Amino acid sequence: MSDRDGTDGVRGGTDQVLSALVDICGPDYARVARSIDTVGGRRVGHVAVPATPPAVADTLRLAAERGLRSRTRGSGSKLGWGKPGDPVDLLIDTGRLNGLWNHDVGRGTVEVATGTPVRALQAALALQGQRLPVDPPSRTATVGGVLAVNESGPLRHRSGPPAAWVTSVAYVDRDGRIAESDGEDGRPGLAEIDGVITAAALRLEPLPQARRWVGITLPTPLQLGELTGPAGELEPSAIEVDLPAGGRGGTLAVLFEGLEASAVERAERLALVWGAGAVVTPIAPPWWGTYPFGRDDVALRLAVSAADLPAMLYALGDAAGGPVPVRGSAGLGSVHAVLPGRVEPARVTTIIDSLRHVLLARGGRAVVVSAPPELAREIEMAGRLDFF
């Protein structure tokens, strides 16, 4: 019987759980869930906001002892991603697991609590002329949220996924045991950790002196190959494409970073190769580093080789029966596409199956990352390993 069924016995159970959570987290940091505390469209039972790894461990032990289903929440920007799963009894908020320490500027390393917003971390590092080369499109993303779903933005073209910059993590497993892992010698990697990641040791790099973007209008996806090829030879940090209507009126943009003279020289060289219509600017396009989808949309993540990206985009349009907004890395062939949230479950399944048939021979992948809760429960959604 759920703690939310309304009987006196259940209220007693709820009171006991709340009392135990207050003992662990403090009276201002444990509560019965409110209407804003939802996972997969369903209100959770309780919310706990532990401040230390031992408090996280006590919270997870309590959940294990009482058979409570728990989920972790950072800013909540990606809480609805992936399979909806069962209703959640306990939401563990990482907001108080915040801050950084052991920042070794010379070695380019730092340790950071995973409830720390990425933007706050980058601001602190910038004061020392450094950065973590990770730029998640979720503007409120926390370090833990980025690591949990391997979220990356345009910089993944040069820097790789966030996991590439992690040397080790501290976490608490579902039974409340505190542990560390560097993903080696049989220890779990980020994709295998089942619990709450509390801290991460990260590698850093110097903050680039200058940034320049080169942009050009993209009439159709057919031009991607001839445009991205020359760009890739100039060591860019990112090559991104934005196709608001499946290829009509789209834009291709390339980011160059480094010393002022180098960034400017490479940008101008690419603009010269691209010819008329190419623009060099120190300002990013307005769509740069953002997702093309919202909470009410169906978000597809598509991955294929850069050479096969145009073919995949045309296949997507054919499967969907018309233009589909697409945005992402043209240099890596990894993009997000958007379907309206009102689409029927069977229609989503048909589109995905059609895409997978096309991608099978090309070694590509297609998964549904996010969808409105009622739709997500009716279709195949991305599993945890699909994000890695």
Protein backbone atom coordinates (compact mmCIF):
# COMPACT_ATOMS: atom_id res chain seq x y z
CA MET A 1 0.00 0.00 0.00
CA SER A 2 1.34 3.43 -0.91
CA ASP A 3 2.00 6.13 1.69
CA ARG A 4 -0.45 8.27 -0.28
CA ASP A 5 -3.55 6.11 -0.08
CA GLY A 6 -5.21 8.06 2.73
CA THR A 7 -5.79 5.56 5.59
CA ASP A 8 -4.76 6.24 9.19
CA GLY A 9 -2.16 3.47 8.97
CA VAL A 10 -0.67 5.01 5.86
CA ARG A 11 -0.64 8.47 7.48
CA GLY A 12 1.25 6.93 10.33
CA GLY A 13 3.76 5.47 7.89
CA THR A 14 4.08 8.84 6.19
CA ASP A 15 4.66 10.58 9.51
CA GLN A 16 7.33 8.04 10.42
CA VAL A 17 9.14 8.48 7.10
CA LEU A 18 9.00 12.27 7.40
CA SER A 19 10.24 12.15 10.97
CA ALA A 20 13.17 9.95 9.97
CA LEU A 21 14.04 12.23 7.04
CA VAL A 22 13.92 15.29 9.32
CA ASP A 23 16.34 13.56 11.69
CA ILE A 24 18.72 12.98 8.80
CA CYS A 25 18.43 16.22 6.83
CA GLY A 26 17.07 18.76 9.30
CA PRO A 27 13.58 20.23 9.73
CA ASP A 28 13.88 22.65 6.82
CA TYR A 29 15.21 20.05 4.40
CA ALA A 30 12.70 17.21 4.47
CA ARG A 31 9.03 17.44 3.60
CA VAL A 32 6.00 15.78 2.12
CA ALA A 33 6.06 16.40 -1.64
CA ARG A 34 4.23 19.35 -3.18
CA SER A 35 2.56 19.64 -6.55
CA ILE A 36 5.85 20.75 -8.16
CA ASP A 37 7.62 17.57 -7.01
CA THR A 38 6.78 15.23 -9.86
CA VAL A 39 8.56 12.51 -11.82
CA GLY A 40 7.00 11.23 -15.00
CA GLY A 41 3.90 13.36 -14.39
CA ARG A 42 3.26 11.79 -10.96
CA ARG A 43 3.72 13.49 -7.60
CA VAL A 44 6.35 11.81 -5.43
CA GLY A 45 5.88 10.93 -1.77
CA HIS A 46 8.60 12.86 0.06
CA VAL A 47 11.51 15.16 -0.72
CA ALA A 48 14.82 15.03 1.15
CA VAL A 49 17.69 17.49 0.75
CA PRO A 50 20.76 15.97 2.43
CA ALA A 51 23.85 18.18 2.87
CA THR A 52 26.64 15.59 3.10
CA PRO A 53 27.51 12.16 1.67
CA PRO A 54 26.83 10.49 5.08
CA ALA A 55 23.37 12.10 5.07
CA VAL A 56 22.81 10.79 1.54
CA ALA A 57 23.86 7.36 2.78
CA ASP A 58 21.42 7.53 5.72
CA THR A 59 18.64 8.64 3.36
CA LEU A 60 19.24 5.75 0.97
CA ARG A 61 19.46 3.25 3.84
CA LEU A 62 16.10 4.49 5.07
CA ALA A 63 14.66 4.05 1.59
CA ALA A 64 16.08 0.51 1.33
CA GLU A 65 14.78 -0.49 4.76
CA ARG A 66 11.26 0.80 4.04
CA GLY A 67 11.10 -0.32 0.41
CA LEU A 68 10.82 3.23 -0.90
CA ARG A 69 11.55 3.89 -4.56
CA SER A 70 13.93 6.85 -4.83
CA ARG A 71 15.17 9.15 -7.58
CA THR A 72 17.81 11.87 -7.57
CA ARG A 73 17.09 15.45 -8.63
CA GLY A 74 19.54 18.23 -9.35
CA SER A 75 17.89 21.22 -11.02
CA GLY A 76 15.26 18.89 -12.51
CA SER A 77 16.07 19.91 -16.10
CA LYS A 78 16.41 16.29 -17.24
CA LEU A 79 14.27 14.50 -14.66
CA GLY A 80 11.76 13.52 -17.36
CA TRP A 81 14.33 12.01 -19.71
CA GLY A 82 14.31 8.31 -20.47
CA LYS A 83 11.99 5.57 -19.27
CA PRO A 84 9.35 6.84 -16.81
CA GLY A 85 9.65 3.85 -14.46
CA ASP A 86 7.51 3.20 -11.40
CA PRO A 87 6.03 5.95 -9.20
CA VAL A 88 8.66 7.53 -6.95
CA ASP A 89 8.29 7.54 -3.17
CA LEU A 90 11.34 9.62 -2.28
CA LEU A 91 13.02 12.38 -4.25
CA ILE A 92 16.60 13.08 -3.16
CA ASP A 93 17.45 16.69 -4.01
CA THR A 94 21.18 17.42 -4.38
CA GLY A 95 20.87 21.20 -3.95
CA ARG A 96 22.93 21.24 -0.74
CA LEU A 97 25.73 19.10 -2.20
CA ASN A 98 27.36 22.22 -3.53
CA GLY A 99 30.86 23.66 -3.87
CA LEU A 100 34.36 22.87 -5.06
CA TRP A 101 37.65 22.10 -3.33
CA ASN A 102 41.21 20.93 -4.02
CA HIS A 103 41.42 23.22 -7.03
CA ASP A 104 44.98 22.73 -8.28
CA VAL A 105 45.45 25.43 -10.91
CA GLY A 106 48.87 24.17 -11.90
CA ARG A 107 47.76 20.59 -12.52
CA GLY A 108 44.40 21.62 -13.90
CA THR A 109 42.25 19.53 -11.55
CA VAL A 110 39.39 20.17 -9.15
CA GLU A 111 36.90 18.27 -7.03
CA VAL A 112 33.30 19.40 -7.07
CA ALA A 113 30.07 18.42 -5.34
CA THR A 114 27.57 17.18 -7.87
CA GLY A 115 24.73 19.48 -6.84
CA THR A 116 26.83 22.42 -8.03
CA PRO A 117 25.34 24.21 -11.07
CA VAL A 118 27.67 23.93 -14.07
CA ARG A 119 27.40 27.66 -14.68
CA ALA A 120 28.51 28.41 -11.11
CA LEU A 121 31.44 26.02 -11.47
CA GLN A 122 32.52 27.64 -14.75
CA ALA A 123 32.30 31.11 -13.21
CA ALA A 124 34.53 30.07 -10.31
CA LEU A 125 37.05 28.39 -12.61
CA ALA A 126 37.15 31.39 -14.96
CA LEU A 127 38.53 33.52 -12.11
CA GLN A 128 41.61 31.30 -12.35
CA GLY A 129 41.70 31.31 -16.15
CA GLN A 130 40.35 27.75 -16.46
CA ARG A 131 37.23 25.88 -17.51
CA LEU A 132 35.66 22.46 -17.69
CA PRO A 133 35.17 21.96 -21.47
CA VAL A 134 31.57 20.87 -21.02
CA ASP A 135 28.67 23.08 -22.18
CA PRO A 136 25.34 21.35 -21.45
CA PRO A 137 22.37 22.86 -23.27
CA SER A 138 20.29 22.56 -20.08
CA ARG A 139 20.92 26.04 -18.67
CA THR A 140 20.31 25.06 -15.05
CA ALA A 141 22.20 21.77 -15.28
CA THR A 142 24.16 20.56 -12.26
CA VAL A 143 27.41 18.63 -12.44
CA GLY A 144 25.60 15.50 -11.23
CA GLY A 145 22.83 15.85 -13.79
CA VAL A 146 25.35 16.20 -16.60
CA LEU A 147 27.25 13.10 -15.48
CA ALA A 148 24.10 11.04 -14.90
CA VAL A 149 22.94 11.31 -18.52
CA ASN A 150 26.26 12.17 -20.18
CA GLU A 151 24.88 15.52 -21.33
CA SER A 152 27.11 17.40 -23.75
CA GLY A 153 26.85 20.46 -25.95
CA PRO A 154 28.75 21.83 -28.96
CA LEU A 155 32.19 21.41 -27.35
CA ARG A 156 31.82 17.63 -27.54
CA HIS A 157 33.22 17.89 -31.08
CA ARG A 158 36.71 18.60 -29.75
CA SER A 159 36.47 17.71 -26.07
CA GLY A 160 34.41 14.53 -26.15
CA PRO A 161 31.72 13.63 -23.62
CA PRO A 162 31.77 14.82 -19.99
CA ALA A 163 32.99 11.42 -18.83
CA ALA A 164 36.27 12.07 -20.66
CA TRP A 165 37.08 14.81 -18.11
CA VAL A 166 36.21 12.78 -15.00
CA THR A 167 39.06 11.01 -13.20
CA SER A 168 36.94 9.58 -10.37
CA VAL A 169 33.60 9.95 -8.63
CA ALA A 170 32.33 9.48 -5.10
CA TYR A 171 28.88 7.97 -4.77
CA VAL A 172 26.43 6.24 -2.46
CA ASP A 173 24.82 3.04 -3.69
CA ARG A 174 21.19 2.04 -3.20
CA ASP A 175 22.01 0.23 0.06
CA GLY A 176 23.58 3.34 1.54
CA ARG A 177 27.22 2.35 1.11
CA ILE A 178 29.69 5.14 0.36
CA ALA A 179 32.15 4.28 -2.40
CA GLU A 180 34.49 5.73 -5.01
CA SER A 181 35.14 4.70 -8.58
CA ASP A 182 37.45 5.54 -11.44
CA GLY A 183 35.71 3.09 -13.77
CA GLU A 184 38.72 0.75 -13.87
CA ASP A 185 39.56 -2.73 -12.58
CA GLY A 186 35.94 -3.82 -12.45
CA ARG A 187 34.70 -0.70 -10.64
CA PRO A 188 31.52 0.79 -12.10
CA GLY A 189 31.75 3.56 -14.67
CA LEU A 190 29.28 6.44 -14.78
CA ALA A 191 26.75 4.43 -16.77
CA GLU A 192 26.79 1.56 -14.24
CA ILE A 193 26.54 3.48 -10.97
CA ASP A 194 23.20 2.79 -9.30
CA GLY A 195 22.81 5.36 -6.56
CA VAL A 196 23.65 9.01 -5.94
CA ILE A 197 26.88 10.53 -7.26
CA THR A 198 28.00 13.01 -4.59
CA ALA A 199 31.30 14.38 -5.94
CA ALA A 200 33.56 14.20 -8.97
CA ALA A 201 37.26 14.81 -9.56
CA LEU A 202 37.63 16.65 -12.86
CA ARG A 203 40.36 17.63 -15.29
CA LEU A 204 40.37 21.20 -16.55
CA GLU A 205 41.85 23.20 -19.40
CA PRO A 206 42.92 26.84 -19.83
CA LEU A 207 40.19 29.28 -20.76
CA PRO A 208 40.59 30.17 -24.45
CA GLN A 209 41.78 33.70 -25.11
CA ALA A 210 39.42 34.20 -28.04
CA ARG A 211 36.39 32.63 -29.71
CA ARG A 212 35.18 33.12 -33.27
CA TRP A 213 32.16 31.67 -35.03
CA VAL A 214 31.83 31.23 -38.78
CA GLY A 215 28.28 30.86 -40.02
CA ILE A 216 26.64 30.21 -43.35
CA THR A 217 23.11 29.59 -44.59
CA LEU A 218 22.40 25.96 -45.39
CA PRO A 219 19.80 25.61 -48.18
CA THR A 220 19.52 21.81 -47.82
CA PRO A 221 21.31 19.04 -45.85
CA LEU A 222 23.04 17.97 -49.09
CA GLN A 223 25.60 20.76 -48.61
CA LEU A 224 26.69 19.51 -45.18
CA GLY A 225 29.46 17.28 -46.47
CA GLU A 226 31.14 19.85 -48.68
CA LEU A 227 30.96 22.49 -45.91
CA THR A 228 31.92 20.47 -42.84
CA GLY A 229 34.89 18.80 -44.56
CA PRO A 230 37.02 21.96 -44.85
CA ALA A 231 35.91 23.07 -41.37
CA GLY A 232 37.10 19.85 -39.77
CA GLU A 233 40.60 20.32 -41.19
CA LEU A 234 41.07 23.59 -39.25
CA GLU A 235 40.81 22.11 -35.73
CA PRO A 236 37.50 23.66 -34.67
CA SER A 237 36.05 23.30 -31.19
CA ALA A 238 32.55 22.68 -32.55
CA ILE A 239 30.60 22.27 -35.79
CA GLU A 240 26.86 22.71 -35.25
CA VAL A 241 23.85 22.69 -37.54
CA ASP A 242 20.40 24.17 -37.01
CA LEU A 243 17.59 23.10 -39.35
CA PRO A 244 14.40 24.72 -38.03
CA ALA A 245 12.23 23.07 -40.69
CA GLY A 246 14.08 19.94 -41.70
CA GLY A 247 16.58 21.72 -43.94
CA ARG A 248 14.89 24.87 -45.24
CA GLY A 249 16.52 28.07 -44.06
CA GLY A 250 19.04 26.28 -41.90
CA THR A 251 22.42 27.42 -40.61
CA LEU A 252 25.80 25.77 -40.20
CA ALA A 253 28.15 27.34 -37.63
CA VAL A 254 31.72 26.51 -36.64
CA LEU A 255 33.50 27.61 -33.47
CA PHE A 256 37.24 28.31 -33.31
CA GLU A 257 38.98 28.88 -29.96
CA GLY A 258 42.48 29.59 -28.71
CA LEU A 259 44.93 32.45 -28.92
CA GLU A 260 43.47 35.55 -30.57
CA ALA A 261 45.60 35.35 -33.70
CA SER A 262 45.01 31.63 -34.19
CA ALA A 263 41.22 31.71 -33.69
CA VAL A 264 40.80 34.69 -36.02
CA GLU A 265 43.12 33.28 -38.68
CA ARG A 266 41.37 29.90 -38.83
CA ALA A 267 37.93 31.51 -38.87
CA GLU A 268 38.83 33.83 -41.71
CA ARG A 269 40.45 30.99 -43.65
CA LEU A 270 37.25 28.93 -43.43
CA ALA A 271 35.12 31.91 -44.44
CA LEU A 272 37.33 32.32 -47.50
CA VAL A 273 36.90 28.64 -48.41
CA TRP A 274 33.14 28.79 -47.92
CA GLY A 275 32.90 31.93 -50.02
CA ALA A 276 29.98 34.32 -50.40
CA GLY A 277 27.55 34.28 -47.51
CA ALA A 278 30.04 33.17 -44.84
CA VAL A 279 30.17 35.45 -41.79
CA VAL A 280 32.83 35.65 -39.04
CA THR A 281 31.68 36.95 -35.66
CA PRO A 282 32.72 36.89 -31.97
CA ILE A 283 29.08 36.29 -31.02
CA ALA A 284 27.43 32.86 -31.04
CA PRO A 285 24.24 32.29 -33.06
CA PRO A 286 21.14 32.65 -30.85
CA TRP A 287 20.36 28.93 -31.17
CA TRP A 288 23.90 27.81 -30.32
CA GLY A 289 24.15 25.36 -27.43
CA THR A 290 20.39 25.04 -26.89
CA TYR A 291 18.00 22.17 -27.46
CA PRO A 292 15.46 22.43 -30.29
CA PHE A 293 12.77 20.81 -28.11
CA GLY A 294 10.74 21.70 -25.03
CA ARG A 295 9.03 19.74 -22.28
CA ASP A 296 5.88 19.26 -24.37
CA ASP A 297 7.73 17.87 -27.41
CA VAL A 298 8.99 14.44 -28.38
CA ALA A 299 12.79 14.62 -28.55
CA LEU A 300 14.68 12.11 -30.67
CA ARG A 301 18.42 11.61 -30.39
CA LEU A 302 19.93 10.47 -33.67
CA ALA A 303 23.52 9.42 -34.22
CA VAL A 304 25.32 8.35 -37.38
CA SER A 305 28.62 9.15 -39.08
CA ALA A 306 28.98 12.75 -40.23
CA ALA A 307 29.15 11.54 -43.83
CA ASP A 308 25.78 9.78 -43.48
CA LEU A 309 24.05 12.65 -41.66
CA PRO A 310 22.35 14.12 -44.77
CA ALA A 311 20.91 10.72 -45.72
CA MET A 312 19.59 10.27 -42.18
CA LEU A 313 17.94 13.70 -42.23
CA TYR A 314 16.16 12.95 -45.49
CA ALA A 315 15.08 9.57 -44.12
CA LEU A 316 13.68 11.32 -41.05
CA GLY A 317 11.64 13.70 -43.22
CA ASP A 318 10.30 10.79 -45.25
CA ALA A 319 9.36 8.82 -42.11
CA ALA A 320 7.69 11.81 -40.46
CA GLY A 321 5.89 12.84 -43.63
CA GLY A 322 7.32 16.34 -43.69
CA PRO A 323 9.98 18.74 -42.34
CA VAL A 324 11.27 18.01 -38.83
CA PRO A 325 13.32 20.53 -36.80
CA VAL A 326 16.87 19.26 -36.16
CA ARG A 327 19.84 20.68 -34.24
CA GLY A 328 23.17 19.31 -33.11
CA SER A 329 26.69 18.35 -34.08
CA ALA A 330 27.18 18.20 -37.84
CA GLY A 331 30.81 17.32 -37.22
CA LEU A 332 29.95 14.20 -35.20
CA GLY A 333 26.62 13.26 -36.79
CA SER A 334 24.85 13.48 -33.42
CA VAL A 335 21.65 15.57 -33.44
CA HIS A 336 18.28 16.02 -31.77
CA ALA A 337 15.07 16.08 -33.77
CA VAL A 338 11.63 17.24 -32.64
CA LEU A 339 8.18 15.76 -33.07
CA PRO A 340 5.07 17.44 -31.66
CA GLY A 341 3.99 16.07 -28.28
CA ARG A 342 0.47 15.47 -29.57
CA VAL A 343 1.62 12.78 -32.01
CA GLU A 344 0.07 9.35 -31.51
CA PRO A 345 2.21 6.66 -29.80
CA ALA A 346 1.91 4.33 -32.78
CA ARG A 347 3.12 7.10 -35.07
CA VAL A 348 6.24 7.71 -32.97
CA THR A 349 6.99 3.98 -33.00
CA THR A 350 6.59 3.83 -36.78
CA ILE A 351 8.96 6.77 -37.30
CA ILE A 352 11.61 5.30 -34.99
CA ASP A 353 11.35 1.86 -36.56
CA SER A 354 11.70 3.36 -40.03
CA LEU A 355 14.76 5.36 -38.98
CA ARG A 356 16.39 2.38 -37.34
CA HIS A 357 15.95 0.38 -40.52
CA VAL A 358 17.82 3.08 -42.45
CA LEU A 359 20.49 3.44 -39.75
CA LEU A 360 21.11 -0.27 -39.31
CA ALA A 361 23.43 -0.50 -42.32
CA ARG A 362 25.18 2.74 -41.29
CA GLY A 363 25.90 1.82 -37.68
CA GLY A 364 23.65 4.60 -36.40
CA ARG A 365 21.20 4.89 -33.51
CA ALA A 366 17.80 6.46 -32.89
CA VAL A 367 16.15 6.75 -29.46
CA VAL A 368 13.43 8.85 -27.84
CA VAL A 369 15.05 10.95 -25.14
CA SER A 370 12.09 12.91 -23.83
CA ALA A 371 8.32 13.01 -24.29
CA PRO A 372 5.24 14.20 -22.40
CA PRO A 373 4.61 11.79 -19.47
CA GLU A 374 1.41 10.26 -20.83
CA LEU A 375 3.10 9.55 -24.17
CA ALA A 376 6.36 8.35 -22.60
CA ARG A 377 4.46 5.57 -20.82
CA GLU A 378 3.16 4.29 -24.18
CA ILE A 379 6.34 4.20 -26.27
CA GLU A 380 9.87 2.84 -26.05
CA MET A 381 12.04 5.44 -24.35
CA ALA A 382 15.82 5.66 -24.05
CA GLY A 383 17.33 3.47 -21.34
CA ARG A 384 20.21 4.58 -19.13
CA LEU A 385 22.88 3.03 -21.34
CA ASP A 386 21.47 4.83 -24.40
CA PHE A 387 22.82 8.09 -23.00
CA PHE A 388 26.41 6.82 -22.99
